[in-house]
């Protein structure tokens, strides 16, 4: 039985968190498998949204990396979440 559904913020936070701690660009499929439990199509929708917001960069070779703005958003979310929980 699957666990509770995650909302978009939690999914995107987990993707940012995974990329935040990676020192090199990561293949999309690797991020998908390690950072989410989504279908690949749903994962790509979140990735495209985050790229459109400038939080990640998708490279021509199919890999992606977090941007400086993405790092800032991750840091702010991590701080906010720790103060609520």
C-alpha atoms as a PDB file:
ATOM      1  CA  UNK A   1       0.000   0.000   0.000  1.00  0.00           C
ATOM      2  CA  UNK A   2       1.504   3.363  -0.997  1.00  0.00           C
ATOM      3  CA  UNK A   3       2.184   6.033   1.609  1.00  0.00           C
ATOM      4  CA  UNK A   4       0.432   9.382   1.804  1.00  0.00           C
ATOM      5  CA  UNK A   5       0.604  11.605  -1.253  1.00  0.00           C
ATOM      6  CA  UNK A   6       3.136  14.396  -1.197  1.00  0.00           C
ATOM      7  CA  UNK A   7       2.205  17.876  -2.296  1.00  0.00           C
ATOM      8  CA  UNK A   8       4.092  19.806  -4.971  1.00  0.00           C
ATOM      9  CA  UNK A   9       6.116  21.821  -2.441  1.00  0.00           C
ATOM     10  CA  UNK A  10       7.391  18.701  -0.710  1.00  0.00           C
ATOM     11  CA  UNK A  11       8.258  17.004  -4.003  1.00  0.00           C
ATOM     12  CA  UNK A  12      10.130  20.054  -5.295  1.00  0.00           C
ATOM     13  CA  UNK A  13      11.887  20.513  -1.948  1.00  0.00           C
ATOM     14  CA  UNK A  14      13.141  16.906  -2.108  1.00  0.00           C
ATOM     15  CA  UNK A  15      14.419  17.386  -5.667  1.00  0.00           C
ATOM     16  CA  UNK A  16      16.191  20.601  -4.648  1.00  0.00           C
ATOM     17  CA  UNK A  17      17.606  18.877  -1.578  1.00  0.00           C
ATOM     18  CA  UNK A  18      19.035  16.041  -3.640  1.00  0.00           C
ATOM     19  CA  UNK A  19      20.647  18.410  -6.140  1.00  0.00           C
ATOM     20  CA  UNK A  20      21.834  20.750  -3.357  1.00  0.00           C
ATOM     21  CA  UNK A  21      24.169  18.087  -1.989  1.00  0.00           C
ATOM     22  CA  UNK A  22      25.429  16.843  -5.385  1.00  0.00           C
ATOM     23  CA  UNK A  23      28.700  18.413  -6.455  1.00  0.00           C
ATOM     24  CA  UNK A  24      28.161  17.679 -10.157  1.00  0.00           C
ATOM     25  CA  UNK A  25      25.223  17.755 -12.566  1.00  0.00           C
ATOM     26  CA  UNK A  26      23.105  14.622 -12.237  1.00  0.00           C
ATOM     27  CA  UNK A  27      21.321  12.651 -14.978  1.00  0.00           C
ATOM     28  CA  UNK A  28      17.576  13.295 -14.833  1.00  0.00           C
ATOM     29  CA  UNK A  29      16.819   9.606 -14.434  1.00  0.00           C
ATOM     30  CA  UNK A  30      19.198   9.412 -11.477  1.00  0.00           C
ATOM     31  CA  UNK A  31      17.467  12.344  -9.732  1.00  0.00           C
ATOM     32  CA  UNK A  32      14.083  10.795 -10.512  1.00  0.00           C
ATOM     33  CA  UNK A  33      15.034   7.465  -8.925  1.00  0.00           C
ATOM     34  CA  UNK A  34      16.885   8.855  -5.901  1.00  0.00           C
ATOM     35  CA  UNK A  35      14.779  11.897  -4.973  1.00  0.00           C
ATOM     36  CA  UNK A  36      11.198  10.892  -5.812  1.00  0.00           C
ATOM     37  CA  UNK A  37       8.700   8.067  -6.006  1.00  0.00           C
ATOM     38  CA  UNK A  38       6.804   9.731  -8.857  1.00  0.00           C
ATOM     39  CA  UNK A  39       6.102   8.402 -12.308  1.00  0.00           C
ATOM     40  CA  UNK A  40       8.699   9.688 -14.749  1.00  0.00           C
ATOM     41  CA  UNK A  41       6.114  11.867 -16.548  1.00  0.00           C
ATOM     42  CA  UNK A  42       5.046  13.524 -13.279  1.00  0.00           C
ATOM     43  CA  UNK A  43       8.694  14.017 -12.305  1.00  0.00           C
ATOM     44  CA  UNK A  44       9.398  15.761 -15.622  1.00  0.00           C
ATOM     45  CA  UNK A  45       6.496  18.166 -15.025  1.00  0.00           C
ATOM     46  CA  UNK A  46       8.009  19.208 -11.697  1.00  0.00           C
ATOM     47  CA  UNK A  47      11.467  19.487 -13.239  1.00  0.00           C
ATOM     48  CA  UNK A  48      10.174  21.696 -16.066  1.00  0.00           C
ATOM     49  CA  UNK A  49       8.353  23.908 -13.562  1.00  0.00           C
ATOM     50  CA  UNK A  50      11.509  24.309 -11.483  1.00  0.00           C
ATOM     51  CA  UNK A  51      13.601  25.055 -14.576  1.00  0.00           C
ATOM     52  CA  UNK A  52      11.051  27.685 -15.612  1.00  0.00           C
ATOM     53  CA  UNK A  53      11.423  29.322 -12.190  1.00  0.00           C
ATOM     54  CA  UNK A  54      15.220  29.316 -12.524  1.00  0.00           C
ATOM     55  CA  UNK A  55      15.768  26.895  -9.634  1.00  0.00           C
ATOM     56  CA  UNK A  56      17.512  24.264 -11.719  1.00  0.00           C
ATOM     57  CA  UNK A  57      19.270  24.141 -15.054  1.00  0.00           C
ATOM     58  CA  UNK A  58      18.656  21.323 -17.505  1.00  0.00           C
ATOM     59  CA  UNK A  59      21.733  20.621 -19.596  1.00  0.00           C
ATOM     60  CA  UNK A  60      21.833  19.361 -23.178  1.00  0.00           C
ATOM     61  CA  UNK A  61      23.197  15.969 -22.133  1.00  0.00           C
ATOM     62  CA  UNK A  62      20.037  15.232 -20.107  1.00  0.00           C
ATOM     63  CA  UNK A  63      21.481  16.111 -16.736  1.00  0.00           C
ATOM     64  CA  UNK A  64      20.411  18.843 -14.353  1.00  0.00           C
ATOM     65  CA  UNK A  65      21.947  20.950 -11.625  1.00  0.00           C
ATOM     66  CA  UNK A  66      20.714  23.374  -8.992  1.00  0.00           C
ATOM     67  CA  UNK A  67      21.201  27.098  -9.627  1.00  0.00           C
ATOM     68  CA  UNK A  68      22.249  29.772  -7.132  1.00  0.00           C
ATOM     69  CA  UNK A  69      18.573  30.789  -6.874  1.00  0.00           C
ATOM     70  CA  UNK A  70      17.657  27.149  -6.252  1.00  0.00           C
ATOM     71  CA  UNK A  71      20.224  26.965  -3.447  1.00  0.00           C
ATOM     72  CA  UNK A  72      18.772  30.120  -1.903  1.00  0.00           C
ATOM     73  CA  UNK A  73      15.207  28.777  -2.083  1.00  0.00           C
ATOM     74  CA  UNK A  74      16.318  25.462  -0.581  1.00  0.00           C
ATOM     75  CA  UNK A  75      18.103  27.247   2.297  1.00  0.00           C
ATOM     76  CA  UNK A  76      15.051  29.401   3.027  1.00  0.00           C
ATOM     77  CA  UNK A  77      12.652  26.433   2.884  1.00  0.00           C
ATOM     78  CA  UNK A  78      14.870  24.341   5.141  1.00  0.00           C
ATOM     79  CA  UNK A  79      14.974  27.172   7.696  1.00  0.00           C
ATOM     80  CA  UNK A  80      11.227  27.754   7.493  1.00  0.00           C
ATOM     81  CA  UNK A  81      10.401  24.055   7.811  1.00  0.00           C
ATOM     82  CA  UNK A  82      12.633  23.577  10.843  1.00  0.00           C
ATOM     83  CA  UNK A  83      10.917  26.489  12.600  1.00  0.00           C
ATOM     84  CA  UNK A  84       7.451  25.011  11.987  1.00  0.00           C
ATOM     85  CA  UNK A  85       8.246  21.402  12.861  1.00  0.00           C
END
